[in-house]
């Protein structure tokens, strides 16, 4: 615990609530509020890097998801929007824009004549390879504001918290990730909490 840390914006919010509602334990607001505030402050800094490549955050996410899938950098639209946690309607609109910009192309699915596959074009591949390098360096520079040990601890605590929330993993996957087997939603959360406290 940081005993002598400087107060942040969330501290002032908590202090106001403690003054107005001294009967209420508002400490959970501190954790969730800081996560939300960090996310809000990080987004513009990430988007600044994307904009240098003429892309937005969502365009980067689509291209990056295709790129990290491996050769031939091709996915079914359903797998793509599931990975990005967006609706099929949103995915369709985004693919149309990327296709119009020559970054992705749609190809027939040899295994299902009723569907199409989405693939990076050579231009899309070249763009995402350059953009991801800059993105990683940008993230590295942001994290360098913290001591290395703090970055490691933050990563571990966030991972433990994510395991209690992640909607895309089935419960067995969560259990295996924390060394527990069987029907264990409660155990997963307890084990994640224990890991965060270590």
N, C-alpha and C. Protein backbone atom coordinates (compact mmCIF):
# COMPACT_ATOMS: atom_id res chain seq x y z
N UNK A 1 0.84 -1.21 0.00
CA UNK A 1 0.00 0.00 0.00
C UNK A 1 0.87 1.25 0.00
N UNK A 2 0.50 2.24 -0.77
CA UNK A 2 1.27 3.47 -0.84
C UNK A 2 0.79 4.43 0.25
N UNK A 3 1.60 4.56 1.30
CA UNK A 3 1.20 5.37 2.45
C UNK A 3 1.29 6.86 2.17
N UNK A 4 2.27 7.26 1.37
CA UNK A 4 2.53 8.69 1.17
C UNK A 4 2.28 9.14 -0.26
N UNK A 5 1.37 8.50 -0.95
CA UNK A 5 1.11 8.89 -2.33
C UNK A 5 0.40 10.23 -2.38
N UNK A 6 0.57 10.91 -3.52
CA UNK A 6 -0.13 12.16 -3.73
C UNK A 6 -1.62 11.89 -3.99
N UNK A 7 -2.50 12.77 -3.56
CA UNK A 7 -3.93 12.58 -3.83
C UNK A 7 -4.22 12.73 -5.32
N UNK A 8 -5.19 11.99 -5.82
CA UNK A 8 -5.59 12.10 -7.22
C UNK A 8 -7.03 12.60 -7.30
N UNK A 9 -7.54 12.70 -8.53
CA UNK A 9 -8.88 13.25 -8.74
C UNK A 9 -9.96 12.41 -8.07
N UNK A 10 -9.74 11.10 -8.01
CA UNK A 10 -10.74 10.23 -7.40
C UNK A 10 -10.80 10.44 -5.90
N UNK A 11 -9.68 10.76 -5.29
CA UNK A 11 -9.67 11.03 -3.85
C UNK A 11 -10.63 12.16 -3.48
N UNK A 12 -10.66 13.18 -4.30
CA UNK A 12 -11.55 14.31 -3.98
C UNK A 12 -13.01 13.90 -4.09
N UNK A 13 -13.31 13.02 -5.04
CA UNK A 13 -14.68 12.52 -5.19
C UNK A 13 -15.06 11.69 -3.97
N UNK A 14 -14.15 10.84 -3.54
CA UNK A 14 -14.42 10.00 -2.36
C UNK A 14 -14.60 10.85 -1.11
N UNK A 15 -13.80 11.89 -0.99
CA UNK A 15 -13.91 12.75 0.17
C UNK A 15 -15.26 13.45 0.21
N UNK A 16 -15.74 13.87 -0.95
CA UNK A 16 -17.06 14.51 -1.00
C UNK A 16 -18.15 13.54 -0.57
N UNK A 17 -18.08 12.30 -1.04
CA UNK A 17 -19.09 11.31 -0.64
C UNK A 17 -19.00 10.99 0.84
N UNK A 18 -17.79 10.93 1.38
CA UNK A 18 -17.65 10.64 2.81
C UNK A 18 -18.22 11.77 3.66
N UNK A 19 -18.10 12.96 3.13
CA UNK A 19 -18.67 14.10 3.85
C UNK A 19 -20.20 14.08 3.78
N UNK A 20 -20.72 13.78 2.60
CA UNK A 20 -22.17 13.80 2.40
C UNK A 20 -22.88 12.54 2.90
N UNK A 21 -22.16 11.39 2.81
CA UNK A 21 -22.74 10.13 3.26
C UNK A 21 -21.76 9.38 4.14
N UNK A 22 -21.51 9.87 5.35
CA UNK A 22 -20.56 9.22 6.25
C UNK A 22 -20.98 7.80 6.65
N UNK A 23 -22.23 7.47 6.43
CA UNK A 23 -22.73 6.14 6.76
C UNK A 23 -22.40 5.10 5.70
N UNK A 24 -21.90 5.56 4.54
CA UNK A 24 -21.70 4.67 3.39
C UNK A 24 -20.21 4.43 3.14
N UNK A 25 -19.84 3.16 3.01
CA UNK A 25 -18.46 2.81 2.67
C UNK A 25 -18.29 2.92 1.16
N UNK A 26 -17.64 4.00 0.72
CA UNK A 26 -17.50 4.25 -0.71
C UNK A 26 -16.17 3.78 -1.27
N UNK A 27 -15.43 2.98 -0.51
CA UNK A 27 -14.11 2.54 -0.97
C UNK A 27 -14.15 1.81 -2.32
N UNK A 28 -15.21 1.03 -2.66
CA UNK A 28 -15.23 0.40 -3.99
C UNK A 28 -15.20 1.43 -5.12
N UNK A 29 -15.75 2.62 -4.88
CA UNK A 29 -15.71 3.68 -5.89
C UNK A 29 -14.27 4.05 -6.24
N UNK A 30 -13.38 3.93 -5.28
CA UNK A 30 -11.99 4.28 -5.53
C UNK A 30 -11.36 3.39 -6.58
N UNK A 31 -11.55 2.09 -6.41
CA UNK A 31 -10.96 1.12 -7.35
C UNK A 31 -11.57 1.26 -8.74
N UNK A 32 -12.90 1.17 -8.81
CA UNK A 32 -13.56 1.22 -10.10
C UNK A 32 -13.39 2.59 -10.76
N UNK A 33 -13.48 3.64 -9.96
CA UNK A 33 -13.32 4.99 -10.49
C UNK A 33 -11.95 5.20 -11.10
N UNK A 34 -10.91 4.66 -10.45
CA UNK A 34 -9.55 4.84 -10.98
C UNK A 34 -9.35 4.05 -12.27
N UNK A 35 -9.92 2.85 -12.34
CA UNK A 35 -9.83 2.06 -13.57
C UNK A 35 -10.50 2.81 -14.72
N UNK A 36 -11.70 3.33 -14.47
CA UNK A 36 -12.43 4.06 -15.51
C UNK A 36 -11.70 5.33 -15.91
N UNK A 37 -11.15 6.03 -14.94
CA UNK A 37 -10.46 7.29 -15.24
C UNK A 37 -9.17 7.03 -16.02
N UNK A 38 -8.45 5.98 -15.64
CA UNK A 38 -7.24 5.63 -16.38
C UNK A 38 -7.59 5.28 -17.83
N UNK A 39 -8.66 4.51 -18.02
CA UNK A 39 -9.07 4.14 -19.38
C UNK A 39 -9.41 5.38 -20.21
N UNK A 40 -10.13 6.31 -19.59
CA UNK A 40 -10.53 7.53 -20.29
C UNK A 40 -9.33 8.39 -20.65
N UNK A 41 -8.34 8.44 -19.77
CA UNK A 41 -7.16 9.25 -20.03
C UNK A 41 -6.19 8.58 -21.00
N UNK A 42 -6.19 7.26 -21.01
CA UNK A 42 -5.31 6.53 -21.91
C UNK A 42 -5.77 6.60 -23.36
N UNK A 43 -7.07 6.56 -23.57
CA UNK A 43 -7.60 6.46 -24.93
C UNK A 43 -7.09 7.55 -25.87
N UNK A 44 -7.14 8.83 -25.47
CA UNK A 44 -6.63 9.88 -26.38
C UNK A 44 -5.15 9.71 -26.70
N UNK A 45 -4.37 9.22 -25.74
CA UNK A 45 -2.94 9.05 -25.97
C UNK A 45 -2.69 7.91 -26.96
N UNK A 46 -3.52 6.89 -26.90
CA UNK A 46 -3.39 5.80 -27.87
C UNK A 46 -3.85 6.25 -29.25
N UNK A 47 -4.94 7.00 -29.28
CA UNK A 47 -5.49 7.44 -30.56
C UNK A 47 -4.57 8.43 -31.27
N UNK A 48 -3.78 9.17 -30.50
CA UNK A 48 -2.82 10.08 -31.13
C UNK A 48 -1.84 9.31 -32.03
N UNK A 49 -1.42 8.14 -31.55
CA UNK A 49 -0.51 7.32 -32.34
C UNK A 49 -1.21 6.74 -33.56
N UNK A 50 -2.43 6.26 -33.38
CA UNK A 50 -3.18 5.70 -34.51
C UNK A 50 -3.38 6.75 -35.60
N UNK A 51 -3.65 7.97 -35.18
CA UNK A 51 -3.94 9.04 -36.16
C UNK A 51 -2.75 9.34 -37.05
N UNK A 52 -1.54 9.09 -36.58
CA UNK A 52 -0.37 9.34 -37.41
C UNK A 52 -0.32 8.38 -38.60
N UNK A 53 -1.08 7.30 -38.51
CA UNK A 53 -1.16 6.33 -39.61
C UNK A 53 -2.49 6.45 -40.36
N UNK A 54 -3.24 7.50 -40.05
CA UNK A 54 -4.50 7.73 -40.72
C UNK A 54 -5.58 6.74 -40.32
N UNK A 55 -5.45 6.15 -39.13
CA UNK A 55 -6.43 5.17 -38.66
C UNK A 55 -7.03 5.62 -37.33
N UNK A 56 -8.16 5.01 -37.00
CA UNK A 56 -8.80 5.22 -35.71
C UNK A 56 -8.52 4.00 -34.83
N UNK A 57 -8.94 4.08 -33.57
CA UNK A 57 -8.74 2.97 -32.64
C UNK A 57 -9.45 1.71 -33.12
N UNK A 58 -10.69 1.88 -33.61
CA UNK A 58 -11.42 0.68 -34.03
C UNK A 58 -10.83 0.07 -35.29
N UNK A 59 -10.33 0.91 -36.20
CA UNK A 59 -9.69 0.38 -37.41
C UNK A 59 -8.43 -0.40 -37.04
N UNK A 60 -7.67 0.15 -36.10
CA UNK A 60 -6.48 -0.55 -35.63
C UNK A 60 -6.86 -1.89 -35.04
N UNK A 61 -7.92 -1.93 -34.22
CA UNK A 61 -8.33 -3.18 -33.57
C UNK A 61 -8.69 -4.25 -34.59
N UNK A 62 -9.42 -3.88 -35.63
CA UNK A 62 -9.81 -4.85 -36.66
C UNK A 62 -8.58 -5.37 -37.39
N UNK A 63 -7.73 -4.45 -37.84
CA UNK A 63 -6.53 -4.85 -38.58
C UNK A 63 -5.60 -5.68 -37.71
N UNK A 64 -5.46 -5.29 -36.44
CA UNK A 64 -4.57 -6.02 -35.53
C UNK A 64 -5.09 -7.42 -35.24
N UNK A 65 -6.42 -7.56 -35.13
CA UNK A 65 -7.00 -8.88 -34.87
C UNK A 65 -6.75 -9.81 -36.05
N UNK A 66 -6.89 -9.30 -37.26
CA UNK A 66 -6.59 -10.11 -38.44
C UNK A 66 -5.10 -10.45 -38.51
N UNK A 67 -4.26 -9.48 -38.18
CA UNK A 67 -2.80 -9.69 -38.27
C UNK A 67 -2.33 -10.75 -37.29
N UNK A 68 -2.81 -10.69 -36.06
CA UNK A 68 -2.33 -11.64 -35.05
C UNK A 68 -2.96 -13.03 -35.20
N UNK A 69 -3.94 -13.17 -36.10
CA UNK A 69 -4.51 -14.49 -36.35
C UNK A 69 -3.54 -15.37 -37.13
N UNK A 70 -2.52 -14.76 -37.74
CA UNK A 70 -1.53 -15.51 -38.51
C UNK A 70 -1.94 -15.67 -39.97
N UNK A 71 -0.98 -16.07 -40.78
CA UNK A 71 -1.23 -16.23 -42.21
C UNK A 71 -2.37 -17.23 -42.43
N UNK A 72 -3.22 -16.94 -43.39
CA UNK A 72 -3.19 -15.85 -44.39
C UNK A 72 -3.89 -14.57 -43.91
N UNK A 73 -3.95 -14.34 -42.58
CA UNK A 73 -4.56 -13.13 -42.01
C UNK A 73 -6.02 -13.00 -42.46
N UNK A 74 -6.73 -14.11 -42.25
CA UNK A 74 -8.11 -14.21 -42.74
C UNK A 74 -8.99 -14.79 -41.63
N UNK A 75 -10.18 -14.20 -41.47
CA UNK A 75 -11.11 -14.68 -40.46
C UNK A 75 -12.54 -14.58 -40.96
N UNK A 76 -13.41 -15.40 -40.38
CA UNK A 76 -14.83 -15.26 -40.65
C UNK A 76 -15.34 -14.03 -39.91
N UNK A 77 -16.27 -13.29 -40.47
CA UNK A 77 -16.80 -12.10 -39.79
C UNK A 77 -17.31 -12.38 -38.38
N UNK A 78 -17.94 -13.56 -38.20
CA UNK A 78 -18.46 -13.90 -36.86
C UNK A 78 -17.33 -14.03 -35.85
N UNK A 79 -16.24 -14.67 -36.25
CA UNK A 79 -15.10 -14.80 -35.35
C UNK A 79 -14.47 -13.45 -35.07
N UNK A 80 -14.49 -12.59 -36.08
CA UNK A 80 -13.90 -11.26 -35.95
C UNK A 80 -14.68 -10.39 -34.98
N UNK A 81 -16.01 -10.32 -35.14
CA UNK A 81 -16.77 -9.45 -34.23
C UNK A 81 -16.86 -10.04 -32.84
N UNK A 82 -16.74 -11.37 -32.71
CA UNK A 82 -16.72 -11.98 -31.38
C UNK A 82 -15.43 -11.62 -30.65
N UNK A 83 -14.31 -11.65 -31.38
CA UNK A 83 -13.02 -11.30 -30.79
C UNK A 83 -12.98 -9.85 -30.36
N UNK A 84 -13.67 -8.98 -31.12
CA UNK A 84 -13.66 -7.55 -30.83
C UNK A 84 -14.80 -7.14 -29.90
N UNK A 85 -15.70 -8.09 -29.55
CA UNK A 85 -16.81 -7.82 -28.64
C UNK A 85 -17.68 -6.67 -29.15
N UNK A 86 -18.06 -6.75 -30.43
CA UNK A 86 -18.97 -5.78 -31.02
C UNK A 86 -20.09 -6.54 -31.72
N UNK A 87 -21.14 -5.83 -32.12
CA UNK A 87 -22.27 -6.48 -32.79
C UNK A 87 -21.95 -6.73 -34.26
N UNK A 88 -22.73 -7.63 -34.85
CA UNK A 88 -22.52 -7.94 -36.27
C UNK A 88 -22.81 -6.72 -37.15
N UNK A 89 -23.80 -5.91 -36.75
CA UNK A 89 -24.13 -4.72 -37.52
C UNK A 89 -22.98 -3.72 -37.52
N UNK A 90 -22.38 -3.53 -36.36
CA UNK A 90 -21.23 -2.63 -36.24
C UNK A 90 -20.06 -3.16 -37.06
N UNK A 91 -19.85 -4.49 -37.00
CA UNK A 91 -18.76 -5.11 -37.74
C UNK A 91 -18.94 -4.90 -39.24
N UNK A 92 -20.16 -5.06 -39.73
CA UNK A 92 -20.44 -4.89 -41.16
C UNK A 92 -20.09 -3.48 -41.62
N UNK A 93 -20.49 -2.49 -40.84
CA UNK A 93 -20.19 -1.09 -41.19
C UNK A 93 -18.69 -0.84 -41.21
N UNK A 94 -17.98 -1.39 -40.24
CA UNK A 94 -16.55 -1.16 -40.16
C UNK A 94 -15.81 -1.84 -41.30
N UNK A 95 -16.24 -3.04 -41.64
CA UNK A 95 -15.59 -3.76 -42.73
C UNK A 95 -15.80 -3.04 -44.06
N UNK A 96 -16.98 -2.47 -44.24
CA UNK A 96 -17.24 -1.73 -45.48
C UNK A 96 -16.29 -0.55 -45.62
N UNK A 97 -16.03 0.13 -44.51
CA UNK A 97 -15.12 1.28 -44.57
C UNK A 97 -13.68 0.83 -44.83
N UNK A 98 -13.26 -0.23 -44.16
CA UNK A 98 -11.90 -0.73 -44.36
C UNK A 98 -11.70 -1.26 -45.77
N UNK A 99 -12.75 -1.89 -46.29
CA UNK A 99 -12.69 -2.41 -47.65
C UNK A 99 -12.61 -1.27 -48.66
N UNK A 100 -13.37 -0.20 -48.41
CA UNK A 100 -13.34 0.95 -49.30
C UNK A 100 -11.97 1.62 -49.30
N UNK A 101 -11.25 1.51 -48.18
CA UNK A 101 -9.92 2.10 -48.07
C UNK A 101 -8.82 1.15 -48.54
N UNK A 102 -9.23 -0.04 -49.02
CA UNK A 102 -8.26 -0.98 -49.57
C UNK A 102 -7.43 -1.72 -48.53
N UNK A 103 -7.91 -1.78 -47.29
CA UNK A 103 -7.14 -2.42 -46.21
C UNK A 103 -7.55 -3.86 -45.95
N UNK A 104 -8.79 -4.19 -46.29
CA UNK A 104 -9.24 -5.58 -46.19
C UNK A 104 -10.01 -5.93 -47.45
N UNK A 105 -10.17 -7.21 -47.68
CA UNK A 105 -10.97 -7.68 -48.80
C UNK A 105 -11.78 -8.88 -48.35
N UNK A 106 -12.91 -9.08 -48.99
CA UNK A 106 -13.76 -10.23 -48.66
C UNK A 106 -13.60 -11.29 -49.75
N UNK A 107 -13.49 -12.52 -49.29
CA UNK A 107 -13.31 -13.64 -50.20
C UNK A 107 -14.32 -14.74 -49.90
N UNK A 108 -14.69 -15.53 -50.91
CA UNK A 108 -15.62 -16.63 -50.67
C UNK A 108 -15.05 -17.64 -49.68
N UNK A 109 -15.91 -18.19 -48.85
CA UNK A 109 -15.52 -19.21 -47.90
C UNK A 109 -15.66 -20.58 -48.56
N UNK A 110 -14.54 -21.24 -48.80
CA UNK A 110 -14.58 -22.53 -49.51
C UNK A 110 -15.32 -23.60 -48.72
N UNK A 111 -15.45 -23.40 -47.41
CA UNK A 111 -16.13 -24.38 -46.57
C UNK A 111 -17.61 -24.07 -46.38
N UNK A 112 -18.01 -22.87 -46.79
CA UNK A 112 -19.41 -22.48 -46.64
C UNK A 112 -19.75 -21.45 -47.71
N UNK A 113 -20.44 -21.90 -48.76
CA UNK A 113 -20.74 -21.03 -49.89
C UNK A 113 -21.64 -19.86 -49.53
N UNK A 114 -22.29 -19.94 -48.35
CA UNK A 114 -23.21 -18.87 -47.95
C UNK A 114 -22.49 -17.71 -47.26
N UNK A 115 -21.21 -17.88 -46.94
CA UNK A 115 -20.52 -16.85 -46.17
C UNK A 115 -19.24 -16.40 -46.87
N UNK A 116 -18.72 -15.28 -46.38
CA UNK A 116 -17.48 -14.72 -46.90
C UNK A 116 -16.44 -14.67 -45.77
N UNK A 117 -15.19 -14.58 -46.15
CA UNK A 117 -14.10 -14.42 -45.19
C UNK A 117 -13.48 -13.03 -45.38
N UNK A 118 -12.94 -12.50 -44.29
CA UNK A 118 -12.30 -11.18 -44.34
C UNK A 118 -10.80 -11.37 -44.24
N UNK A 119 -10.06 -10.74 -45.15
CA UNK A 119 -8.61 -10.92 -45.18
C UNK A 119 -7.91 -9.57 -45.34
N UNK A 120 -6.75 -9.46 -44.72
CA UNK A 120 -5.93 -8.26 -44.91
C UNK A 120 -5.44 -8.20 -46.35
N UNK A 121 -5.45 -7.03 -46.92
CA UNK A 121 -4.82 -6.83 -48.22
C UNK A 121 -3.33 -6.56 -47.96
N UNK A 122 -2.49 -6.60 -48.99
CA UNK A 122 -1.07 -6.24 -48.80
C UNK A 122 -0.93 -4.85 -48.17
N UNK A 123 -1.79 -3.91 -48.58
CA UNK A 123 -1.72 -2.56 -48.00
C UNK A 123 -2.11 -2.57 -46.53
N UNK A 124 -3.12 -3.38 -46.19
CA UNK A 124 -3.54 -3.49 -44.80
C UNK A 124 -2.47 -4.11 -43.94
N UNK A 125 -1.80 -5.13 -44.46
CA UNK A 125 -0.72 -5.80 -43.74
C UNK A 125 0.44 -4.85 -43.49
N UNK A 126 0.80 -4.10 -44.52
CA UNK A 126 1.91 -3.16 -44.38
C UNK A 126 1.58 -2.08 -43.36
N UNK A 127 0.34 -1.60 -43.38
CA UNK A 127 -0.07 -0.54 -42.46
C UNK A 127 -0.07 -1.03 -41.02
N UNK A 128 -0.67 -2.20 -40.76
CA UNK A 128 -0.77 -2.66 -39.38
C UNK A 128 0.60 -3.02 -38.82
N UNK A 129 1.50 -3.52 -39.65
CA UNK A 129 2.84 -3.83 -39.15
C UNK A 129 3.57 -2.58 -38.69
N UNK A 130 3.39 -1.48 -39.41
CA UNK A 130 4.01 -0.23 -38.98
C UNK A 130 3.30 0.35 -37.76
N UNK A 131 1.98 0.30 -37.79
CA UNK A 131 1.20 0.90 -36.71
C UNK A 131 1.40 0.18 -35.38
N UNK A 132 1.48 -1.15 -35.41
CA UNK A 132 1.60 -1.89 -34.16
C UNK A 132 2.95 -1.63 -33.50
N UNK A 133 3.99 -1.43 -34.30
CA UNK A 133 5.30 -1.10 -33.73
C UNK A 133 5.23 0.23 -32.97
N UNK A 134 4.61 1.21 -33.59
CA UNK A 134 4.48 2.52 -32.94
C UNK A 134 3.57 2.43 -31.72
N UNK A 135 2.52 1.63 -31.82
CA UNK A 135 1.58 1.46 -30.70
C UNK A 135 2.27 0.86 -29.49
N UNK A 136 3.07 -0.17 -29.70
CA UNK A 136 3.78 -0.81 -28.58
C UNK A 136 4.75 0.17 -27.94
N UNK A 137 5.45 0.95 -28.75
CA UNK A 137 6.39 1.93 -28.20
C UNK A 137 5.66 3.01 -27.42
N UNK A 138 4.50 3.41 -27.90
CA UNK A 138 3.69 4.39 -27.19
C UNK A 138 3.26 3.85 -25.83
N UNK A 139 2.78 2.61 -25.81
CA UNK A 139 2.37 1.99 -24.55
C UNK A 139 3.57 1.86 -23.60
N UNK A 140 4.72 1.51 -24.17
CA UNK A 140 5.92 1.38 -23.34
C UNK A 140 6.28 2.72 -22.69
N UNK A 141 6.18 3.79 -23.45
CA UNK A 141 6.53 5.11 -22.91
C UNK A 141 5.55 5.54 -21.82
N UNK A 142 4.30 5.15 -21.96
CA UNK A 142 3.31 5.48 -20.93
C UNK A 142 3.62 4.73 -19.64
N UNK A 143 3.93 3.44 -19.76
CA UNK A 143 4.19 2.62 -18.58
C UNK A 143 5.52 2.95 -17.92
N UNK A 144 6.43 3.58 -18.66
CA UNK A 144 7.71 3.95 -18.08
C UNK A 144 7.58 5.01 -17.00
N UNK A 145 6.40 5.60 -16.88
CA UNK A 145 6.15 6.57 -15.81
C UNK A 145 6.05 5.88 -14.46
N UNK A 146 5.90 4.56 -14.47
CA UNK A 146 5.84 3.77 -13.24
C UNK A 146 7.12 2.96 -13.07
N UNK A 147 7.50 2.63 -11.83
CA UNK A 147 8.65 1.74 -11.62
C UNK A 147 8.35 0.36 -12.22
N UNK A 148 9.36 -0.34 -12.73
CA UNK A 148 9.14 -1.66 -13.34
C UNK A 148 8.37 -2.63 -12.45
N UNK A 149 8.70 -2.65 -11.16
CA UNK A 149 8.03 -3.57 -10.23
C UNK A 149 6.55 -3.23 -10.11
N UNK A 150 6.22 -1.94 -10.18
CA UNK A 150 4.82 -1.53 -10.10
C UNK A 150 4.05 -1.96 -11.33
N UNK A 151 4.72 -1.94 -12.50
CA UNK A 151 4.09 -2.37 -13.75
C UNK A 151 3.77 -3.86 -13.68
N UNK A 152 4.71 -4.65 -13.18
CA UNK A 152 4.50 -6.10 -13.04
C UNK A 152 3.34 -6.37 -12.09
N UNK A 153 3.32 -5.69 -10.94
CA UNK A 153 2.26 -5.90 -9.96
C UNK A 153 0.91 -5.46 -10.51
N UNK A 154 0.88 -4.34 -11.21
CA UNK A 154 -0.36 -3.84 -11.80
C UNK A 154 -0.90 -4.84 -12.81
N UNK A 155 -0.02 -5.38 -13.64
CA UNK A 155 -0.43 -6.35 -14.65
C UNK A 155 -1.04 -7.60 -13.99
N UNK A 156 -0.41 -8.07 -12.93
CA UNK A 156 -0.90 -9.27 -12.24
C UNK A 156 -2.24 -9.02 -11.57
N UNK A 157 -2.38 -7.87 -10.92
CA UNK A 157 -3.64 -7.56 -10.24
C UNK A 157 -4.79 -7.36 -11.24
N UNK A 158 -4.49 -6.69 -12.35
CA UNK A 158 -5.52 -6.48 -13.36
C UNK A 158 -5.93 -7.81 -14.00
N UNK A 159 -4.97 -8.71 -14.20
CA UNK A 159 -5.28 -10.02 -14.76
C UNK A 159 -6.18 -10.81 -13.82
N UNK A 160 -5.87 -10.76 -12.52
CA UNK A 160 -6.70 -11.46 -11.54
C UNK A 160 -8.11 -10.90 -11.53
N UNK A 161 -8.24 -9.58 -11.64
CA UNK A 161 -9.55 -8.94 -11.66
C UNK A 161 -10.30 -9.30 -12.94
N UNK A 162 -9.57 -9.30 -14.06
CA UNK A 162 -10.18 -9.62 -15.34
C UNK A 162 -10.77 -11.03 -15.36
N UNK A 163 -10.10 -11.96 -14.68
CA UNK A 163 -10.59 -13.34 -14.63
C UNK A 163 -11.95 -13.44 -13.96
N UNK A 164 -12.25 -12.49 -13.10
CA UNK A 164 -13.57 -12.52 -12.44
C UNK A 164 -14.65 -11.89 -13.30
N UNK A 165 -14.26 -11.20 -14.36
CA UNK A 165 -15.21 -10.46 -15.19
C UNK A 165 -15.33 -10.98 -16.61
N UNK A 166 -14.25 -11.54 -17.13
CA UNK A 166 -14.15 -11.88 -18.55
C UNK A 166 -15.34 -12.71 -19.05
N UNK A 167 -16.14 -12.14 -19.97
CA UNK A 167 -17.32 -12.85 -20.44
C UNK A 167 -17.05 -13.83 -21.56
N UNK A 168 -15.87 -13.79 -22.17
CA UNK A 168 -15.61 -14.64 -23.33
C UNK A 168 -14.97 -15.97 -22.97
N UNK A 169 -14.57 -16.13 -21.71
CA UNK A 169 -14.00 -17.39 -21.28
C UNK A 169 -15.05 -18.21 -20.56
N UNK A 170 -15.13 -19.51 -20.86
CA UNK A 170 -16.06 -20.33 -20.10
C UNK A 170 -15.49 -20.58 -18.71
N UNK A 171 -16.31 -21.05 -17.81
CA UNK A 171 -15.88 -21.20 -16.42
C UNK A 171 -14.74 -22.22 -16.28
N UNK A 172 -14.72 -23.26 -17.13
CA UNK A 172 -13.64 -24.23 -17.05
C UNK A 172 -12.30 -23.59 -17.41
N UNK A 173 -12.34 -22.70 -18.40
CA UNK A 173 -11.11 -22.01 -18.78
C UNK A 173 -10.61 -21.14 -17.64
N UNK A 174 -11.56 -20.46 -16.98
CA UNK A 174 -11.19 -19.63 -15.84
C UNK A 174 -10.58 -20.49 -14.73
N UNK A 175 -11.18 -21.65 -14.51
CA UNK A 175 -10.71 -22.54 -13.46
C UNK A 175 -9.29 -23.02 -13.75
N UNK A 176 -9.06 -23.43 -15.00
CA UNK A 176 -7.72 -23.90 -15.34
C UNK A 176 -6.71 -22.78 -15.20
N UNK A 177 -7.12 -21.57 -15.50
CA UNK A 177 -6.19 -20.43 -15.45
C UNK A 177 -5.72 -20.15 -14.03
N UNK A 178 -6.54 -20.49 -13.03
CA UNK A 178 -6.14 -20.22 -11.64
C UNK A 178 -5.91 -21.51 -10.86
N UNK A 179 -5.82 -22.65 -11.59
CA UNK A 179 -5.47 -23.90 -10.95
C UNK A 179 -6.59 -24.60 -10.21
N UNK A 180 -7.84 -24.36 -10.59
CA UNK A 180 -8.99 -25.00 -9.96
C UNK A 180 -9.78 -25.70 -11.05
N UNK A 181 -10.41 -26.82 -10.72
CA UNK A 181 -11.15 -27.57 -11.72
C UNK A 181 -12.59 -27.79 -11.27
N UNK A 182 -13.47 -28.02 -12.26
CA UNK A 182 -14.87 -28.27 -11.94
C UNK A 182 -15.68 -27.00 -11.96
N UNK A 183 -16.94 -27.09 -11.47
CA UNK A 183 -17.82 -25.92 -11.41
C UNK A 183 -17.34 -25.04 -10.27
N UNK A 184 -16.78 -23.91 -10.60
CA UNK A 184 -16.04 -23.19 -9.56
C UNK A 184 -16.06 -21.68 -9.71
N UNK A 185 -17.17 -21.10 -10.11
CA UNK A 185 -17.22 -19.65 -10.26
C UNK A 185 -16.77 -18.94 -9.00
N UNK A 186 -17.31 -19.38 -7.87
CA UNK A 186 -16.96 -18.76 -6.59
C UNK A 186 -15.50 -18.99 -6.27
N UNK A 187 -15.00 -20.21 -6.54
CA UNK A 187 -13.61 -20.52 -6.27
C UNK A 187 -12.68 -19.70 -7.14
N UNK A 188 -13.09 -19.50 -8.40
CA UNK A 188 -12.28 -18.67 -9.30
C UNK A 188 -12.11 -17.28 -8.73
N UNK A 189 -13.20 -16.70 -8.28
CA UNK A 189 -13.15 -15.35 -7.75
C UNK A 189 -12.32 -15.28 -6.48
N UNK A 190 -12.46 -16.31 -5.63
CA UNK A 190 -11.68 -16.34 -4.41
C UNK A 190 -10.20 -16.48 -4.71
N UNK A 191 -9.87 -17.39 -5.67
CA UNK A 191 -8.48 -17.58 -6.02
C UNK A 191 -7.88 -16.34 -6.67
N UNK A 192 -8.65 -15.67 -7.51
CA UNK A 192 -8.20 -14.43 -8.14
C UNK A 192 -7.95 -13.36 -7.09
N UNK A 193 -8.87 -13.30 -6.09
CA UNK A 193 -8.71 -12.31 -5.02
C UNK A 193 -7.46 -12.60 -4.22
N UNK A 194 -7.22 -13.89 -3.95
CA UNK A 194 -6.03 -14.28 -3.20
C UNK A 194 -4.77 -13.92 -3.94
N UNK A 195 -4.78 -14.14 -5.27
CA UNK A 195 -3.61 -13.81 -6.08
C UNK A 195 -3.34 -12.32 -6.06
N UNK A 196 -4.41 -11.53 -6.07
CA UNK A 196 -4.26 -10.06 -6.06
C UNK A 196 -3.69 -9.56 -4.75
N UNK A 197 -3.94 -10.32 -3.67
CA UNK A 197 -3.49 -9.89 -2.34
C UNK A 197 -2.06 -10.30 -2.05
N UNK A 198 -1.52 -11.23 -2.87
CA UNK A 198 -0.17 -11.70 -2.61
C UNK A 198 0.89 -10.66 -2.98
